[in-house]
C-alpha atoms as a PDB file:
ATOM      1  CA  MET A   1      -8.270 -28.296   5.591  1.00  0.00           C
ATOM      2  CA  ILE A   2      -8.899 -29.008   1.949  1.00  0.00           C
ATOM      3  CA  GLU A   3     -11.688 -31.543   1.972  1.00  0.00           C
ATOM      4  CA  LEU A   4     -12.531 -33.831  -0.880  1.00  0.00           C
ATOM      5  CA  PRO A   5     -15.601 -31.939  -2.266  1.00  0.00           C
ATOM      6  CA  GLU A   6     -13.659 -28.590  -1.890  1.00  0.00           C
ATOM      7  CA  SER A   7     -10.603 -29.990  -3.810  1.00  0.00           C
ATOM      8  CA  LYS A   8     -12.881 -31.017  -6.700  1.00  0.00           C
ATOM      9  CA  VAL A   9     -14.447 -27.621  -6.946  1.00  0.00           C
ATOM     10  CA  LEU A  10     -11.110 -25.848  -6.555  1.00  0.00           C
ATOM     11  CA  ALA A  11      -9.624 -27.999  -9.291  1.00  0.00           C
ATOM     12  CA  LYS A  12     -12.354 -27.256 -11.737  1.00  0.00           C
ATOM     13  CA  LEU A  13     -12.188 -23.534 -11.002  1.00  0.00           C
ATOM     14  CA  GLY A  14      -8.440 -23.572 -10.956  1.00  0.00           C
ATOM     15  CA  THR A  15      -8.189 -25.097 -14.407  1.00  0.00           C
ATOM     16  CA  LYS A  16     -10.441 -22.248 -15.731  1.00  0.00           C
ATOM     17  CA  LEU A  17      -8.423 -19.558 -13.948  1.00  0.00           C
ATOM     18  CA  PHE A  18      -4.838 -20.768 -14.305  1.00  0.00           C
ATOM     19  CA  LYS A  19      -4.667 -22.822 -17.496  1.00  0.00           C
ATOM     20  CA  GLY A  20      -2.032 -21.289 -19.821  1.00  0.00           C
ATOM     21  CA  LEU A  21      -0.709 -18.799 -17.162  1.00  0.00           C
ATOM     22  CA  GLU A  22       3.077 -18.577 -16.724  1.00  0.00           C
ATOM     23  CA  ILE A  23       4.618 -18.059 -13.299  1.00  0.00           C
ATOM     24  CA  VAL A  24       6.866 -14.967 -13.456  1.00  0.00           C
ATOM     25  CA  ASP A  25       7.871 -14.715  -9.843  1.00  0.00           C
ATOM     26  CA  VAL A  26       8.089 -17.071  -6.878  1.00  0.00           C
ATOM     27  CA  LYS A  27       8.647 -16.517  -3.188  1.00  0.00           C
ATOM     28  CA  ALA A  28       8.909 -19.594  -0.963  1.00  0.00           C
ATOM     29  CA  LEU A  29       8.805 -19.512   2.826  1.00  0.00           C
ATOM     30  CA  SER A  30       9.087 -15.709   3.089  1.00  0.00           C
ATOM     31  CA  SER A  31       7.018 -16.350   6.227  1.00  0.00           C
ATOM     32  CA  THR A  32       8.444 -19.379   7.882  1.00  0.00           C
ATOM     33  CA  HIS A  33       6.051 -21.931   9.436  1.00  0.00           C
ATOM     34  CA  LYS A  34       7.130 -24.840  11.685  1.00  0.00           C
ATOM     35  CA  PHE A  35       4.452 -27.191  10.281  1.00  0.00           C
ATOM     36  CA  CYS A  36       4.702 -26.287   6.583  1.00  0.00           C
ATOM     37  CA  TRP A  37       6.384 -29.200   4.896  1.00  0.00           C
ATOM     38  CA  MET A  38       8.054 -28.726   1.520  1.00  0.00           C
ATOM     39  CA  ASN A  39       9.994 -31.367  -0.209  1.00  0.00           C
ATOM     40  CA  GLU A  40      12.473 -28.842  -1.620  1.00  0.00           C
ATOM     41  CA  LYS A  41      14.441 -26.027  -0.120  1.00  0.00           C
ATOM     42  CA  PRO A  42      12.881 -22.620  -0.692  1.00  0.00           C
ATOM     43  CA  GLU A  43      15.540 -21.536  -3.232  1.00  0.00           C
ATOM     44  CA  VAL A  44      15.140 -24.757  -5.192  1.00  0.00           C
ATOM     45  CA  MET A  45      11.360 -24.366  -5.135  1.00  0.00           C
ATOM     46  CA  GLU A  46      11.657 -20.766  -6.395  1.00  0.00           C
ATOM     47  CA  GLU A  47      14.020 -21.692  -9.169  1.00  0.00           C
ATOM     48  CA  SER A  48      12.049 -24.775 -10.239  1.00  0.00           C
ATOM     49  CA  LEU A  49       8.651 -23.001 -10.498  1.00  0.00           C
ATOM     50  CA  LEU A  50       9.856 -19.951 -12.325  1.00  0.00           C
ATOM     51  CA  HIS A  51       8.550 -19.741 -15.895  1.00  0.00           C
ATOM     52  CA  LYS A  52       6.325 -22.824 -15.537  1.00  0.00           C
ATOM     53  CA  LYS A  53       3.041 -22.798 -17.417  1.00  0.00           C
ATOM     54  CA  ILE A  54       0.042 -24.378 -15.895  1.00  0.00           C
ATOM     55  CA  LYS A  55      -1.692 -27.055 -18.018  1.00  0.00           C
ATOM     56  CA  ALA A  56      -4.412 -28.086 -15.570  1.00  0.00           C
ATOM     57  CA  VAL A  57      -5.430 -28.220 -11.956  1.00  0.00           C
ATOM     58  CA  LYS A  58      -6.520 -31.609 -10.557  1.00  0.00           C
ATOM     59  CA  SER A  59      -7.790 -32.987  -7.345  1.00  0.00           C
ATOM     60  CA  SER A  60      -6.718 -36.284  -5.857  1.00  0.00           C
ATOM     61  CA  ALA A  61      -8.482 -36.841  -2.556  1.00  0.00           C
ATOM     62  CA  HIS A  62      -7.563 -33.805  -0.456  1.00  0.00           C
ATOM     63  CA  TYR A  63      -4.588 -32.876  -2.669  1.00  0.00           C
ATOM     64  CA  LEU A  64      -4.912 -29.937  -5.052  1.00  0.00           C
ATOM     65  CA  ARG A  65      -2.422 -30.510  -7.861  1.00  0.00           C
ATOM     66  CA  PHE A  66      -1.182 -27.793 -10.304  1.00  0.00           C
ATOM     67  CA  ILE A  67      -0.005 -29.720 -13.357  1.00  0.00           C
ATOM     68  CA  PHE A  68       2.570 -27.884 -15.577  1.00  0.00           C
ATOM     69  CA  GLU A  69       3.187 -28.283 -19.289  1.00  0.00           C
ATOM     70  CA  ASP A  70       6.268 -30.443 -18.616  1.00  0.00           C
ATOM     71  CA  ASP A  71       4.147 -32.764 -16.391  1.00  0.00           C
ATOM     72  CA  PHE A  72       5.876 -31.699 -13.214  1.00  0.00           C
ATOM     73  CA  GLU A  73       3.413 -30.582 -10.529  1.00  0.00           C
ATOM     74  CA  LEU A  74       2.940 -28.501  -7.464  1.00  0.00           C
ATOM     75  CA  ALA A  75       0.680 -30.107  -4.929  1.00  0.00           C
ATOM     76  CA  CYS A  76      -0.759 -28.920  -1.615  1.00  0.00           C
ATOM     77  CA  ALA A  77      -2.800 -30.653   1.030  1.00  0.00           C
ATOM     78  CA  GLU A  78      -4.067 -30.447   4.590  1.00  0.00           C
ATOM     79  CA  ASP A  79      -4.594 -27.008   6.180  1.00  0.00           C
ATOM     80  CA  VAL A  80      -3.545 -24.820   3.221  1.00  0.00           C
ATOM     81  CA  THR A  81      -5.616 -21.943   2.093  1.00  0.00           C
ATOM     82  CA  LEU A  82      -5.275 -20.291  -1.327  1.00  0.00           C
ATOM     83  CA  ASN A  83      -5.845 -16.635  -2.082  1.00  0.00           C
ATOM     84  CA  TYR A  84      -5.832 -15.423  -5.648  1.00  0.00           C
ATOM     85  CA  GLN A  85      -5.534 -11.672  -5.772  1.00  0.00           C
ATOM     86  CA  LYS A  86      -4.327  -8.649  -7.778  1.00  0.00           C
ATOM     87  CA  GLU A  87      -2.520  -6.743  -4.997  1.00  0.00           C
ATOM     88  CA  VAL A  88      -0.165  -8.422  -2.581  1.00  0.00           C
ATOM     89  CA  ASN A  89       0.534  -6.594   0.642  1.00  0.00           C
ATOM     90  CA  ASP A  90       4.094  -6.948   1.948  1.00  0.00           C
ATOM     91  CA  LYS A  91       2.511  -7.663   5.332  1.00  0.00           C
ATOM     92  CA  ASP A  92       0.646 -10.725   3.935  1.00  0.00           C
ATOM     93  CA  LYS A  93       1.989 -13.836   5.490  1.00  0.00           C
ATOM     94  CA  HIS A  94       2.324 -16.839   3.143  1.00  0.00           C
ATOM     95  CA  GLN A  95       4.433 -19.909   2.671  1.00  0.00           C
ATOM     96  CA  LEU A  96       4.401 -19.716  -1.184  1.00  0.00           C
ATOM     97  CA  LEU A  97       3.602 -16.877  -3.466  1.00  0.00           C
ATOM     98  CA  LEU A  98       3.259 -17.388  -7.210  1.00  0.00           C
ATOM     99  CA  THR A  99       2.888 -14.325  -9.468  1.00  0.00           C
ATOM    100  CA  PHE A 100       1.575 -14.877 -12.960  1.00  0.00           C
ATOM    101  CA  ASP A 101       1.968 -13.158 -16.308  1.00  0.00           C
ATOM    102  CA  ASN A 102      -1.574 -11.699 -15.920  1.00  0.00           C
ATOM    103  CA  GLY A 103      -0.499  -9.603 -12.941  1.00  0.00           C
ATOM    104  CA  TYR A 104      -2.383 -11.734 -10.367  1.00  0.00           C
ATOM    105  CA  SER A 105      -0.779 -13.713  -7.559  1.00  0.00           C
ATOM    106  CA  LEU A 106      -1.692 -16.969  -5.766  1.00  0.00           C
ATOM    107  CA  LEU A 107      -0.809 -17.128  -2.075  1.00  0.00           C
ATOM    108  CA  PHE A 108      -0.475 -20.448  -0.310  1.00  0.00           C
ATOM    109  CA  LYS A 109      -1.015 -20.024   3.458  1.00  0.00           C
ATOM    110  CA  VAL A 110      -0.595 -22.858   5.954  1.00  0.00           C
ATOM    111  CA  LYS A 111      -2.777 -22.430   9.000  1.00  0.00           C
ATOM    112  CA  LEU A 112      -2.069 -25.387  11.362  1.00  0.00           C
ATOM    113  CA  TYR A 113      -0.015 -27.755   9.204  1.00  0.00           C
ATOM    114  CA  GLY A 114       0.261 -28.477   5.502  1.00  0.00           C
ATOM    115  CA  PHE A 115       2.216 -29.851   2.590  1.00  0.00           C
ATOM    116  CA  ILE A 116       3.433 -27.894  -0.431  1.00  0.00           C
ATOM    117  CA  VAL A 117       5.386 -30.204  -2.709  1.00  0.00           C
ATOM    118  CA  TYR A 118       6.910 -30.144  -6.243  1.00  0.00           C
ATOM    119  CA  GLY A 119       8.104 -32.775  -8.536  1.00  0.00           C
ATOM    120  CA  GLU A 120       7.071 -35.493 -10.944  1.00  0.00           C
ATOM    121  CA  GLU A 121       4.153 -37.665 -10.001  1.00  0.00           C
ATOM    122  CA  ALA A 122       6.211 -40.885  -9.845  1.00  0.00           C
ATOM    123  CA  GLN A 123       8.860 -39.291  -7.614  1.00  0.00           C
ATOM    124  CA  LEU A 124       6.243 -37.823  -5.310  1.00  0.00           C
ATOM    125  CA  LYS A 125       4.510 -41.129  -5.049  1.00  0.00           C
ATOM    126  CA  GLU A 126       7.770 -42.838  -4.092  1.00  0.00           C
ATOM    127  CA  SER A 127       8.723 -40.257  -1.463  1.00  0.00           C
ATOM    128  CA  MET A 128       5.371 -39.370   0.071  1.00  0.00           C
ATOM    129  CA  GLN A 129       3.051 -42.038   1.433  1.00  0.00           C
ATOM    130  CA  TYR A 130      -0.104 -39.890   1.813  1.00  0.00           C
ATOM    131  CA  TYR A 131       0.298 -38.486  -1.717  1.00  0.00           C
ATOM    132  CA  LYS A 132       0.563 -42.037  -3.084  1.00  0.00           C
ATOM    133  CA  VAL A 133      -2.543 -43.157  -1.232  1.00  0.00           C
ATOM    134  CA  ALA A 134      -4.483 -40.111  -2.359  1.00  0.00           C
ATOM    135  CA  LEU A 135      -3.680 -40.861  -6.008  1.00  0.00           C
ATOM    136  CA  GLU A 136      -4.185 -44.576  -5.846  1.00  0.00           C
ATOM    137  CA  SER A 137      -7.368 -44.776  -3.749  1.00  0.00           C
ATOM    138  CA  ILE A 138     -10.847 -44.984  -5.220  1.00  0.00           C
ATOM    139  CA  ASP A 139     -12.694 -41.771  -5.000  1.00  0.00           C
ATOM    140  CA  PRO A 140     -15.642 -42.119  -2.511  1.00  0.00           C
ATOM    141  CA  LEU A 141     -17.804 -40.187  -4.919  1.00  0.00           C
ATOM    142  CA  SER A 142     -17.216 -42.490  -7.826  1.00  0.00           C
ATOM    143  CA  LYS A 143     -19.322 -45.467  -8.848  1.00  0.00           C
ATOM    144  CA  ASP A 144     -16.333 -47.758  -8.274  1.00  0.00           C
ATOM    145  CA  PHE A 145     -16.397 -47.028  -4.538  1.00  0.00           C
ATOM    146  CA  SER A 146     -18.271 -49.727  -2.654  1.00  0.00           C
ATOM    147  CA  TYR A 147     -18.998 -50.738   0.905  1.00  0.00           C
ATOM    148  CA  ASP A 148     -16.788 -53.854   0.532  1.00  0.00           C
ATOM    149  CA  TYR A 149     -13.877 -51.658  -0.755  1.00  0.00           C
ATOM    150  CA  PHE A 150     -14.416 -49.386   2.328  1.00  0.00           C
ATOM    151  CA  LEU A 151     -14.335 -52.358   4.681  1.00  0.00           C
ATOM    152  CA  ASP A 152     -11.215 -53.673   3.054  1.00  0.00           C
ATOM    153  CA  VAL A 153      -9.203 -50.488   2.868  1.00  0.00           C
ATOM    154  CA  THR A 154     -10.002 -49.422   6.385  1.00  0.00           C
ATOM    155  CA  GLU A 155      -9.538 -52.936   7.729  1.00  0.00           C
ATOM    156  CA  ILE A 156     -12.710 -52.522   9.824  1.00  0.00           C
ATOM    157  CA  ASN A 157     -13.727 -55.983   8.617  1.00  0.00           C
ATOM    158  CA  LEU A 158     -10.824 -57.377  10.634  1.00  0.00           C
ATOM    159  CA  GLY A 159     -12.324 -56.081  13.818  1.00  0.00           C
ATOM    160  CA  LYS A 160      -9.527 -53.526  14.465  1.00  0.00           C
ATOM    161  CA  GLY A 161     -10.669 -50.327  16.114  1.00  0.00           C
ATOM    162  CA  SER A 162     -13.454 -48.047  14.969  1.00  0.00           C
ATOM    163  CA  VAL A 163     -14.491 -46.125  11.792  1.00  0.00           C
ATOM    164  CA  LYS A 164     -13.159 -42.869  13.376  1.00  0.00           C
ATOM    165  CA  GLN A 165      -9.801 -44.560  14.091  1.00  0.00           C
ATOM    166  CA  ALA A 166      -9.579 -45.989  10.573  1.00  0.00           C
ATOM    167  CA  LEU A 167     -10.311 -42.680   8.899  1.00  0.00           C
ATOM    168  CA  ALA A 168      -7.807 -40.818  11.100  1.00  0.00           C
ATOM    169  CA  THR A 169      -4.917 -43.136  10.368  1.00  0.00           C
ATOM    170  CA  ASN A 170      -3.444 -44.748   7.215  1.00  0.00           C
END
């Protein structure tokens, strides 16, 4: 699972590695996975991502977001691992494969379950509850995060359930 600290490190590294690279080949769901949720059909995902140039990589909570020059984005979350490599073996299982103009490829592999979504931020916020919450919540590592905010957002102050229950649900 992509955890908050990991997404921050991956975003910083990702911007260094991917900024300015163009996607020259895309393969979506070559290896099907029951619990890989994409908001587009594989052929739409492939067509939409082809020839996109990466402007930046950002993290929003546990989402890793690849921002393109046209401000569309590719975001992934939950149990998705990323492998950036020169050689891709045909036997490598992956749910999304992006090949860049530098000859390297980025493989997105869903282990247990995961999201790989594409679109504009506003559209993704409207259609995906967890994405919206991830972008609109206060980062727990920022100075704006407070104990009162934590109590309010988790509703623990209302005497409902436990901290564990609050963190495992909405």
